[in-house]
Every structure is written in C-alpha cells, then in structure tokens.
Amino acid sequence: EGLEYARRAVQHIIDAGHYPAKLICTTDRTEVLPGADGVLSMLMAQP
C-alpha cells in the first residue's frame, strides 16, 4: 500500500516535469539493486 502511494507520487513528478526517467517498483530489493549507482535508505524497521 505504501509502495503504491509512492509510485503514484513519483509518477506524478515525472509526468509534471516531462522527465525521460524510468520508474520501477518492487517489494524485493534484490530485483533492482544490480547495477545501482546510488542506494538511499529511509526505512522504518517497525510500525
């Protein structure tokens, strides 16, 4: 649910700015870490 909220917000930023960026969303970080230039953590471990 939080991921979908973030997806909509980021997609809105990309569309509004007409950026040629690509957006990927996943619940499994190992799917997207390969090839990363930067990794940013803002997680909360518990509710």
All heavy atoms as atom14 arrays in JSON, in Angstrom:
{
  "sequence": "EGLEYARRAVQHIIDAGHYPAKLICTTDRTEVLPGADGVLSMLMAQP",
  "atom14_mask": [
    [1, 1, 1, 1, 1, 1, 1, 1, 1, 0, 0, 0, 0, 0],
    [1, 1, 1, 1, 0, 0, 0, 0, 0, 0, 0, 0, 0, 0],
    [1, 1, 1, 1, 1, 1, 1, 1, 0, 0, 0, 0, 0, 0],
    [1, 1, 1, 1, 1, 1, 1, 1, 1, 0, 0, 0, 0, 0],
    [1, 1, 1, 1, 1, 1, 1, 1, 1, 1, 1, 1, 0, 0],
    [1, 1, 1, 1, 1, 0, 0, 0, 0, 0, 0, 0, 0, 0],
    [1, 1, 1, 1, 1, 1, 1, 1, 1, 1, 1, 0, 0, 0],
    [1, 1, 1, 1, 1, 1, 1, 1, 1, 1, 1, 0, 0, 0],
    [1, 1, 1, 1, 1, 0, 0, 0, 0, 0, 0, 0, 0, 0],
    [1, 1, 1, 1, 1, 1, 1, 0, 0, 0, 0, 0, 0, 0],
    [1, 1, 1, 1, 1, 1, 1, 1, 1, 0, 0, 0, 0, 0],
    [1, 1, 1, 1, 1, 1, 1, 1, 1, 1, 0, 0, 0, 0],
    [1, 1, 1, 1, 1, 1, 1, 1, 0, 0, 0, 0, 0, 0],
    [1, 1, 1, 1, 1, 1, 1, 1, 0, 0, 0, 0, 0, 0],
    [1, 1, 1, 1, 1, 1, 1, 1, 0, 0, 0, 0, 0, 0],
    [1, 1, 1, 1, 1, 0, 0, 0, 0, 0, 0, 0, 0, 0],
    [1, 1, 1, 1, 0, 0, 0, 0, 0, 0, 0, 0, 0, 0],
    [1, 1, 1, 1, 1, 1, 1, 1, 1, 1, 0, 0, 0, 0],
    [1, 1, 1, 1, 1, 1, 1, 1, 1, 1, 1, 1, 0, 0],
    [1, 1, 1, 1, 1, 1, 1, 0, 0, 0, 0, 0, 0, 0],
    [1, 1, 1, 1, 1, 0, 0, 0, 0, 0, 0, 0, 0, 0],
    [1, 1, 1, 1, 1, 1, 1, 1, 1, 0, 0, 0, 0, 0],
    [1, 1, 1, 1, 1, 1, 1, 1, 0, 0, 0, 0, 0, 0],
    [1, 1, 1, 1, 1, 1, 1, 1, 0, 0, 0, 0, 0, 0],
    [1, 1, 1, 1, 1, 1, 0, 0, 0, 0, 0, 0, 0, 0],
    [1, 1, 1, 1, 1, 1, 1, 0, 0, 0, 0, 0, 0, 0],
    [1, 1, 1, 1, 1, 1, 1, 0, 0, 0, 0, 0, 0, 0],
    [1, 1, 1, 1, 1, 1, 1, 1, 0, 0, 0, 0, 0, 0],
    [1, 1, 1, 1, 1, 1, 1, 1, 1, 1, 1, 0, 0, 0],
    [1, 1, 1, 1, 1, 1, 1, 0, 0, 0, 0, 0, 0, 0],
    [1, 1, 1, 1, 1, 1, 1, 1, 1, 0, 0, 0, 0, 0],
    [1, 1, 1, 1, 1, 1, 1, 0, 0, 0, 0, 0, 0, 0],
    [1, 1, 1, 1, 1, 1, 1, 1, 0, 0, 0, 0, 0, 0],
    [1, 1, 1, 1, 1, 1, 1, 0, 0, 0, 0, 0, 0, 0],
    [1, 1, 1, 1, 0, 0, 0, 0, 0, 0, 0, 0, 0, 0],
    [1, 1, 1, 1, 1, 0, 0, 0, 0, 0, 0, 0, 0, 0],
    [1, 1, 1, 1, 1, 1, 1, 1, 0, 0, 0, 0, 0, 0],
    [1, 1, 1, 1, 0, 0, 0, 0, 0, 0, 0, 0, 0, 0],
    [1, 1, 1, 1, 1, 1, 1, 0, 0, 0, 0, 0, 0, 0],
    [1, 1, 1, 1, 1, 1, 1, 1, 0, 0, 0, 0, 0, 0],
    [1, 1, 1, 1, 1, 1, 0, 0, 0, 0, 0, 0, 0, 0],
    [1, 1, 1, 1, 1, 1, 1, 1, 0, 0, 0, 0, 0, 0],
    [1, 1, 1, 1, 1, 1, 1, 1, 0, 0, 0, 0, 0, 0],
    [1, 1, 1, 1, 1, 1, 1, 1, 0, 0, 0, 0, 0, 0],
    [1, 1, 1, 1, 1, 0, 0, 0, 0, 0, 0, 0, 0, 0],
    [1, 1, 1, 1, 1, 1, 1, 1, 1, 0, 0, 0, 0, 0],
    [1, 1, 1, 1, 1, 1, 1, 0, 0, 0, 0, 0, 0, 0]
  ],
  "atom14_positions": [
    [[0.83, -1.21, 0.0], [0.0, 0.0, 0.0], [0.87, 1.26, 0.0], [0.62, 2.19, -0.77], [-0.91, 0.0, 1.23], [-1.86, 1.19, 1.29], [-2.79, 1.14, 2.49], [-2.81, 0.1, 3.18], [-3.49, 2.13, 2.74], [0.0, 0.0, 0.0], [0.0, 0.0, 0.0], [0.0, 0.0, 0.0], [0.0, 0.0, 0.0], [0.0, 0.0, 0.0]],
    [[1.88, 1.27, 0.86], [2.79, 2.42, 0.87], [3.55, 2.55, -0.43], [3.82, 3.66, -0.9], [0.0, 0.0, 0.0], [0.0, 0.0, 0.0], [0.0, 0.0, 0.0], [0.0, 0.0, 0.0], [0.0, 0.0, 0.0], [0.0, 0.0, 0.0], [0.0, 0.0, 0.0], [0.0, 0.0, 0.0], [0.0, 0.0, 0.0], [0.0, 0.0, 0.0]],
    [[3.93, 1.42, -1.02], [4.66, 1.43, -2.28], [3.8, 2.01, -3.4], [4.3, 2.78, -4.24], [5.1, 0.01, -2.63], [5.97, -0.15, -3.88], [7.27, 0.61, -3.74], [6.25, -1.64, -4.13], [0.0, 0.0, 0.0], [0.0, 0.0, 0.0], [0.0, 0.0, 0.0], [0.0, 0.0, 0.0], [0.0, 0.0, 0.0], [0.0, 0.0, 0.0]],
    [[2.54, 1.67, -3.43], [1.65, 2.2, -4.46], [1.46, 3.7, -4.29], [1.41, 4.44, -5.27], [0.3, 1.47, -4.41], [-0.78, 2.05, -5.32], [-0.39, 2.05, -6.8], [0.53, 1.3, -7.18], [-1.02, 2.81, -7.56], [0.0, 0.0, 0.0], [0.0, 0.0, 0.0], [0.0, 0.0, 0.0], [0.0, 0.0, 0.0], [0.0, 0.0, 0.0]],
    [[1.37, 4.14, -3.05], [1.28, 5.58, -2.79], [2.51, 6.3, -3.34], [2.4, 7.33, -4.01], [1.15, 5.82, -1.29], [1.15, 7.28, -0.89], [-0.04, 8.0, -0.8], [2.35, 7.95, -0.61], [-0.03, 9.33, -0.44], [2.36, 9.28, -0.25], [1.16, 9.96, -0.16], [1.17, 11.3, 0.18], [0.0, 0.0, 0.0], [0.0, 0.0, 0.0]],
    [[3.68, 5.72, -3.06], [4.92, 6.33, -3.54], [4.99, 6.3, -5.06], [5.46, 7.25, -5.7], [6.12, 5.6, -2.93], [0.0, 0.0, 0.0], [0.0, 0.0, 0.0], [0.0, 0.0, 0.0], [0.0, 0.0, 0.0], [0.0, 0.0, 0.0], [0.0, 0.0, 0.0], [0.0, 0.0, 0.0], [0.0, 0.0, 0.0], [0.0, 0.0, 0.0]],
    [[4.53, 5.2, -5.66], [4.56, 5.09, -7.12], [3.75, 6.21, -7.77], [4.21, 6.85, -8.72], [4.01, 3.74, -7.57], [4.12, 3.5, -9.08], [3.2, 2.41, -9.55], [1.79, 2.78, -9.4], [1.14, 3.61, -10.24], [1.78, 4.16, -11.26], [-0.13, 3.89, -10.03], [0.0, 0.0, 0.0], [0.0, 0.0, 0.0], [0.0, 0.0, 0.0]],
    [[2.55, 6.44, -7.25], [1.71, 7.49, -7.82], [2.35, 8.86, -7.66], [2.32, 9.69, -8.58], [0.33, 7.47, -7.16], [-0.5, 6.23, -7.45], [-1.96, 6.45, -7.13], [-2.17, 6.89, -5.76], [-2.43, 6.09, -4.74], [-2.5, 4.76, -4.94], [-2.62, 6.56, -3.52], [0.0, 0.0, 0.0], [0.0, 0.0, 0.0], [0.0, 0.0, 0.0]],
    [[2.93, 9.1, -6.49], [3.55, 10.4, -6.24], [4.74, 10.64, -7.16], [4.89, 11.72, -7.74], [3.98, 10.49, -4.77], [0.0, 0.0, 0.0], [0.0, 0.0, 0.0], [0.0, 0.0, 0.0], [0.0, 0.0, 0.0], [0.0, 0.0, 0.0], [0.0, 0.0, 0.0], [0.0, 0.0, 0.0], [0.0, 0.0, 0.0], [0.0, 0.0, 0.0]],
    [[5.59, 9.61, -7.32], [6.78, 9.76, -8.16], [6.39, 9.85, -9.63], [6.97, 10.64, -10.39], [7.76, 8.6, -7.91], [8.89, 8.63, -8.94], [8.31, 8.68, -6.5], [0.0, 0.0, 0.0], [0.0, 0.0, 0.0], [0.0, 0.0, 0.0], [0.0, 0.0, 0.0], [0.0, 0.0, 0.0], [0.0, 0.0, 0.0], [0.0, 0.0, 0.0]],
    [[5.42, 9.07, -10.04], [4.97, 9.15, -11.43], [4.42, 10.53, -11.75], [4.63, 11.05, -12.85], [3.92, 8.08, -11.72], [3.58, 7.94, -13.2], [4.77, 7.53, -14.03], [5.39, 6.49, -13.77], [5.12, 8.32, -15.03], [0.0, 0.0, 0.0], [0.0, 0.0, 0.0], [0.0, 0.0, 0.0], [0.0, 0.0, 0.0], [0.0, 0.0, 0.0]],
    [[3.74, 11.12, -10.8], [3.23, 12.48, -10.98], [4.39, 13.47, -11.17], [4.31, 14.36, -12.03], [2.38, 12.89, -9.79], [1.9, 14.31, -9.85], [0.88, 14.72, -10.69], [2.31, 15.42, -9.18], [0.68, 16.01, -10.55], [1.54, 16.46, -9.64], [0.0, 0.0, 0.0], [0.0, 0.0, 0.0], [0.0, 0.0, 0.0], [0.0, 0.0, 0.0]],
    [[5.46, 13.31, -10.38], [6.63, 14.19, -10.53], [7.26, 14.02, -11.9], [7.61, 15.01, -12.56], [7.66, 13.88, -9.42], [7.09, 14.26, -8.05], [8.97, 14.6, -9.68], [7.95, 13.79, -6.89], [0.0, 0.0, 0.0], [0.0, 0.0, 0.0], [0.0, 0.0, 0.0], [0.0, 0.0, 0.0], [0.0, 0.0, 0.0], [0.0, 0.0, 0.0]],
    [[7.4, 12.77, -12.35], [7.99, 12.51, -13.66], [7.14, 13.11, -14.77], [7.65, 13.77, -15.69], [8.16, 10.99, -13.87], [9.22, 10.45, -12.9], [8.55, 10.68, -15.31], [9.35, 8.93, -12.93], [0.0, 0.0, 0.0], [0.0, 0.0, 0.0], [0.0, 0.0, 0.0], [0.0, 0.0, 0.0], [0.0, 0.0, 0.0], [0.0, 0.0, 0.0]],
    [[5.82, 12.91, -14.69], [4.92, 13.42, -15.73], [4.89, 14.94, -15.73], [4.94, 15.58, -16.8], [3.51, 12.87, -15.51], [3.44, 11.37, -15.72], [4.36, 10.81, -16.35], [2.46, 10.75, -15.25], [0.0, 0.0, 0.0], [0.0, 0.0, 0.0], [0.0, 0.0, 0.0], [0.0, 0.0, 0.0], [0.0, 0.0, 0.0], [0.0, 0.0, 0.0]],
    [[4.82, 15.55, -14.55], [4.72, 17.01, -14.47], [5.99, 17.68, -14.98], [5.94, 18.76, -15.58], [4.44, 17.43, -13.04], [0.0, 0.0, 0.0], [0.0, 0.0, 0.0], [0.0, 0.0, 0.0], [0.0, 0.0, 0.0], [0.0, 0.0, 0.0], [0.0, 0.0, 0.0], [0.0, 0.0, 0.0], [0.0, 0.0, 0.0], [0.0, 0.0, 0.0]],
    [[7.14, 17.04, -14.76], [8.4, 17.63, -15.2], [8.82, 17.2, -16.59], [9.85, 17.66, -17.09], [0.0, 0.0, 0.0], [0.0, 0.0, 0.0], [0.0, 0.0, 0.0], [0.0, 0.0, 0.0], [0.0, 0.0, 0.0], [0.0, 0.0, 0.0], [0.0, 0.0, 0.0], [0.0, 0.0, 0.0], [0.0, 0.0, 0.0], [0.0, 0.0, 0.0]],
    [[8.04, 16.31, -17.21], [8.35, 15.78, -18.55], [9.76, 15.17, -18.57], [10.51, 15.35, -19.53], [8.23, 16.88, -19.6], [6.87, 17.53, -19.63], [5.75, 16.9, -20.12], [6.47, 18.75, -19.2], [4.71, 17.7, -20.02], [5.11, 18.82, -19.45], [0.0, 0.0, 0.0], [0.0, 0.0, 0.0], [0.0, 0.0, 0.0], [0.0, 0.0, 0.0]],
    [[10.09, 14.45, -17.52], [11.41, 13.83, -17.43], [11.41, 12.49, -18.17], [10.43, 11.74, -18.11], [11.78, 13.58, -15.97], [11.9, 14.83, -15.13], [11.01, 15.07, -14.09], [12.89, 15.76, -15.37], [11.11, 16.22, -13.31], [13.0, 16.91, -14.62], [12.11, 17.13, -13.58], [12.2, 18.26, -12.82], [0.0, 0.0, 0.0], [0.0, 0.0, 0.0]],
    [[12.51, 12.16, -18.84], [12.61, 10.85, -19.52], [13.06, 9.75, -18.56], [13.71, 8.79, -18.96], [13.68, 11.12, -20.59], [14.56, 12.15, -19.99], [13.66, 13.04, -19.16], [0.0, 0.0, 0.0], [0.0, 0.0, 0.0], [0.0, 0.0, 0.0], [0.0, 0.0, 0.0], [0.0, 0.0, 0.0], [0.0, 0.0, 0.0], [0.0, 0.0, 0.0]],
    [[12.7, 9.88, -17.3], [13.11, 8.9, -16.28], [12.27, 7.64, -16.37], [11.14, 7.65, -16.85], [12.98, 9.52, -14.89], [0.0, 0.0, 0.0], [0.0, 0.0, 0.0], [0.0, 0.0, 0.0], [0.0, 0.0, 0.0], [0.0, 0.0, 0.0], [0.0, 0.0, 0.0], [0.0, 0.0, 0.0], [0.0, 0.0, 0.0], [0.0, 0.0, 0.0]],
    [[12.83, 6.56, -15.87], [12.13, 5.27, -15.82], [11.83, 4.93, -14.37], [12.7, 5.07, -13.5], [13.0, 4.17, -16.44], [12.37, 2.78, -16.41], [13.31, 1.75, -17.02], [12.71, 0.35, -16.97], [13.64, -0.67, -17.53], [0.0, 0.0, 0.0], [0.0, 0.0, 0.0], [0.0, 0.0, 0.0], [0.0, 0.0, 0.0], [0.0, 0.0, 0.0]],
    [[10.62, 4.47, -14.09], [10.2, 4.15, -12.73], [9.95, 2.66, -12.58], [9.24, 2.05, -13.39], [8.93, 4.93, -12.37], [8.34, 4.69, -10.98], [9.33, 5.05, -9.9], [7.04, 5.47, -10.82], [0.0, 0.0, 0.0], [0.0, 0.0, 0.0], [0.0, 0.0, 0.0], [0.0, 0.0, 0.0], [0.0, 0.0, 0.0], [0.0, 0.0, 0.0]],
    [[10.54, 2.07, -11.55], [10.35, 0.65, -11.23], [9.91, 0.56, -9.78], [10.42, 1.28, -8.92], [11.66, -0.15, -11.41], [12.21, -0.01, -12.82], [11.45, -1.62, -11.07], [13.59, -0.65, -12.99], [0.0, 0.0, 0.0], [0.0, 0.0, 0.0], [0.0, 0.0, 0.0], [0.0, 0.0, 0.0], [0.0, 0.0, 0.0], [0.0, 0.0, 0.0]],
    [[8.98, -0.33, -9.48], [8.51, -0.54, -8.12], [8.53, -2.02, -7.78], [8.13, -2.85, -8.61], [7.1, 0.01, -7.92], [6.95, 1.79, -8.22], [0.0, 0.0, 0.0], [0.0, 0.0, 0.0], [0.0, 0.0, 0.0], [0.0, 0.0, 0.0], [0.0, 0.0, 0.0], [0.0, 0.0, 0.0], [0.0, 0.0, 0.0], [0.0, 0.0, 0.0]],
    [[8.98, -2.36, -6.58], [9.05, -3.76, -6.18], [9.07, -3.87, -4.67], [9.47, -2.92, -3.97], [10.3, -4.45, -6.77], [10.32, -5.82, -6.36], [11.57, -3.78, -6.29], [0.0, 0.0, 0.0], [0.0, 0.0, 0.0], [0.0, 0.0, 0.0], [0.0, 0.0, 0.0], [0.0, 0.0, 0.0], [0.0, 0.0, 0.0], [0.0, 0.0, 0.0]],
    [[8.66, -5.02, -4.16], [8.77, -5.31, -2.73], [10.05, -6.08, -2.42], [10.31, -6.38, -1.26], [7.55, -6.11, -2.24], [7.44, -7.31, -3.0], [6.26, -5.3, -2.38], [0.0, 0.0, 0.0], [0.0, 0.0, 0.0], [0.0, 0.0, 0.0], [0.0, 0.0, 0.0], [0.0, 0.0, 0.0], [0.0, 0.0, 0.0], [0.0, 0.0, 0.0]],
    [[10.83, -6.41, -3.43], [12.05, -7.2, -3.27], [13.25, -6.4, -3.78], [13.42, -6.23, -4.99], [11.93, -8.52, -4.04], [13.15, -9.41, -3.88], [14.11, -9.01, -3.19], [13.14, -10.52, -4.45], [0.0, 0.0, 0.0], [0.0, 0.0, 0.0], [0.0, 0.0, 0.0], [0.0, 0.0, 0.0], [0.0, 0.0, 0.0], [0.0, 0.0, 0.0]],
    [[14.07, -5.9, -2.87], [15.18, -5.04, -3.27], [16.21, -5.75, -4.14], [16.89, -5.1, -4.94], [15.87, -4.44, -2.04], [16.46, -5.46, -1.09], [17.13, -4.78, 0.11], [17.66, -5.72, 1.08], [17.02, -6.13, 2.17], [15.82, -5.64, 2.42], [17.57, -7.0, 3.0], [0.0, 0.0, 0.0], [0.0, 0.0, 0.0], [0.0, 0.0, 0.0]],
    [[16.34, -7.07, -4.0], [17.34, -7.78, -4.79], [17.01, -7.76, -6.28], [17.88, -8.03, -7.1], [17.49, -9.23, -4.31], [16.26, -9.94, -4.51], [17.86, -9.28, -2.83], [0.0, 0.0, 0.0], [0.0, 0.0, 0.0], [0.0, 0.0, 0.0], [0.0, 0.0, 0.0], [0.0, 0.0, 0.0], [0.0, 0.0, 0.0], [0.0, 0.0, 0.0]],
    [[15.78, -7.45, -6.62], [15.4, -7.36, -8.04], [15.97, -6.12, -8.7], [16.17, -6.1, -9.92], [13.88, -7.36, -8.18], [13.2, -8.66, -7.77], [11.69, -8.58, -7.94], [11.19, -7.48, -8.27], [11.02, -9.61, -7.77], [0.0, 0.0, 0.0], [0.0, 0.0, 0.0], [0.0, 0.0, 0.0], [0.0, 0.0, 0.0], [0.0, 0.0, 0.0]],
    [[16.22, -5.08, -7.93], [16.6, -3.79, -8.53], [17.98, -3.3, -8.11], [18.49, -2.34, -8.69], [15.55, -2.7, -8.2], [14.24, -3.02, -8.9], [15.33, -2.58, -6.7], [0.0, 0.0, 0.0], [0.0, 0.0, 0.0], [0.0, 0.0, 0.0], [0.0, 0.0, 0.0], [0.0, 0.0, 0.0], [0.0, 0.0, 0.0], [0.0, 0.0, 0.0]],
    [[18.62, -3.93, -7.13], [19.94, -3.47, -6.7], [21.03, -3.68, -7.75], [21.93, -2.83, -7.86], [20.34, -4.18, -5.4], [19.71, -3.64, -4.12], [20.1, -4.5, -2.93], [20.08, -2.19, -3.88], [0.0, 0.0, 0.0], [0.0, 0.0, 0.0], [0.0, 0.0, 0.0], [0.0, 0.0, 0.0], [0.0, 0.0, 0.0], [0.0, 0.0, 0.0]],
    [[21.01, -4.76, -8.54], [22.08, -4.91, -9.53], [22.16, -3.71, -10.48], [21.16, -3.26, -11.03], [21.65, -6.17, -10.3], [20.87, -6.97, -9.31], [20.1, -5.94, -8.52], [0.0, 0.0, 0.0], [0.0, 0.0, 0.0], [0.0, 0.0, 0.0], [0.0, 0.0, 0.0], [0.0, 0.0, 0.0], [0.0, 0.0, 0.0], [0.0, 0.0, 0.0]],
    [[23.36, -3.17, -10.6], [23.57, -2.03, -11.49], [23.27, -0.69, -10.87], [23.37, 0.35, -11.56], [0.0, 0.0, 0.0], [0.0, 0.0, 0.0], [0.0, 0.0, 0.0], [0.0, 0.0, 0.0], [0.0, 0.0, 0.0], [0.0, 0.0, 0.0], [0.0, 0.0, 0.0], [0.0, 0.0, 0.0], [0.0, 0.0, 0.0], [0.0, 0.0, 0.0]],
    [[22.93, -0.64, -9.59], [22.59, 0.64, -8.96], [23.84, 1.51, -8.78], [24.91, 1.02, -8.42], [21.93, 0.41, -7.61], [0.0, 0.0, 0.0], [0.0, 0.0, 0.0], [0.0, 0.0, 0.0], [0.0, 0.0, 0.0], [0.0, 0.0, 0.0], [0.0, 0.0, 0.0], [0.0, 0.0, 0.0], [0.0, 0.0, 0.0], [0.0, 0.0, 0.0]],
    [[23.69, 2.8, -9.06], [24.76, 3.77, -8.81], [24.62, 4.39, -7.43], [25.62, 4.79, -6.82], [24.72, 4.88, -9.86], [24.97, 4.36, -11.26], [26.12, 3.95, -11.53], [24.03, 4.33, -12.07], [0.0, 0.0, 0.0], [0.0, 0.0, 0.0], [0.0, 0.0, 0.0], [0.0, 0.0, 0.0], [0.0, 0.0, 0.0], [0.0, 0.0, 0.0]],
    [[23.4, 4.49, -6.95], [23.15, 5.05, -5.63], [22.05, 4.27, -4.94], [21.06, 3.88, -5.58], [0.0, 0.0, 0.0], [0.0, 0.0, 0.0], [0.0, 0.0, 0.0], [0.0, 0.0, 0.0], [0.0, 0.0, 0.0], [0.0, 0.0, 0.0], [0.0, 0.0, 0.0], [0.0, 0.0, 0.0], [0.0, 0.0, 0.0], [0.0, 0.0, 0.0]],
    [[22.22, 4.03, -3.65], [21.2, 3.36, -2.83], [20.88, 4.28, -1.67], [21.79, 4.71, -0.94], [21.69, 1.99, -2.32], [20.61, 1.33, -1.47], [22.08, 1.09, -3.48], [0.0, 0.0, 0.0], [0.0, 0.0, 0.0], [0.0, 0.0, 0.0], [0.0, 0.0, 0.0], [0.0, 0.0, 0.0], [0.0, 0.0, 0.0], [0.0, 0.0, 0.0]],
    [[19.61, 4.59, -1.49], [19.18, 5.51, -0.45], [18.22, 4.78, 0.49], [17.24, 4.18, 0.04], [18.48, 6.73, -1.05], [19.32, 7.63, -1.97], [19.39, 7.07, -3.38], [18.73, 9.04, -2.01], [0.0, 0.0, 0.0], [0.0, 0.0, 0.0], [0.0, 0.0, 0.0], [0.0, 0.0, 0.0], [0.0, 0.0, 0.0], [0.0, 0.0, 0.0]],
    [[18.53, 4.82, 1.77], [17.71, 4.12, 2.76], [16.91, 5.12, 3.59], [17.47, 6.08, 4.13], [18.59, 3.29, 3.7], [17.83, 2.81, 4.8], [0.0, 0.0, 0.0], [0.0, 0.0, 0.0], [0.0, 0.0, 0.0], [0.0, 0.0, 0.0], [0.0, 0.0, 0.0], [0.0, 0.0, 0.0], [0.0, 0.0, 0.0], [0.0, 0.0, 0.0]],
    [[15.61, 4.88, 3.69], [14.73, 5.7, 4.53], [13.7, 4.8, 5.21], [12.57, 5.17, 5.45], [14.04, 6.77, 3.69], [13.25, 6.22, 2.52], [13.21, 7.31, 1.1], [14.86, 7.13, 0.47], [0.0, 0.0, 0.0], [0.0, 0.0, 0.0], [0.0, 0.0, 0.0], [0.0, 0.0, 0.0], [0.0, 0.0, 0.0], [0.0, 0.0, 0.0]],
    [[14.11, 3.59, 5.51], [13.18, 2.59, 6.02], [12.86, 2.78, 7.5], [13.61, 3.44, 8.24], [13.76, 1.19, 5.79], [15.08, 0.82, 6.47], [14.88, 0.34, 7.89], [15.83, -0.22, 5.66], [0.0, 0.0, 0.0], [0.0, 0.0, 0.0], [0.0, 0.0, 0.0], [0.0, 0.0, 0.0], [0.0, 0.0, 0.0], [0.0, 0.0, 0.0]],
    [[11.76, 2.2, 7.93], [11.41, 2.1, 9.34], [11.22, 0.63, 9.65], [10.39, -0.04, 9.04], [10.14, 2.89, 9.67], [9.72, 2.76, 11.13], [8.29, 3.81, 11.57], [9.11, 5.41, 11.71], [0.0, 0.0, 0.0], [0.0, 0.0, 0.0], [0.0, 0.0, 0.0], [0.0, 0.0, 0.0], [0.0, 0.0, 0.0], [0.0, 0.0, 0.0]],
    [[12.0, 0.12, 10.6], [12.05, -1.32, 10.83], [10.79, -1.85, 11.5], [10.48, -3.04, 11.37], [13.27, -1.67, 11.68], [0.0, 0.0, 0.0], [0.0, 0.0, 0.0], [0.0, 0.0, 0.0], [0.0, 0.0, 0.0], [0.0, 0.0, 0.0], [0.0, 0.0, 0.0], [0.0, 0.0, 0.0], [0.0, 0.0, 0.0], [0.0, 0.0, 0.0]],
    [[10.08, -1.01, 12.23], [8.89, -1.44, 12.95], [7.76, -0.44, 12.72], [8.0, 0.7, 12.32], [9.17, -1.55, 14.45], [10.22, -2.57, 14.82], [9.75, -3.99, 14.6], [8.56, -4.26, 14.6], [10.69, -4.91, 14.42], [0.0, 0.0, 0.0], [0.0, 0.0, 0.0], [0.0, 0.0, 0.0], [0.0, 0.0, 0.0], [0.0, 0.0, 0.0]],
    [[6.51, -0.83, 12.96], [5.39, 0.11, 12.8], [5.53, 1.32, 13.71], [6.21, 1.27, 14.74], [4.17, -0.73, 13.19], [4.59, -2.15, 13.02], [6.06, -2.19, 13.34], [0.0, 0.0, 0.0], [0.0, 0.0, 0.0], [0.0, 0.0, 0.0], [0.0, 0.0, 0.0], [0.0, 0.0, 0.0], [0.0, 0.0, 0.0], [0.0, 0.0, 0.0]]
  ]
}
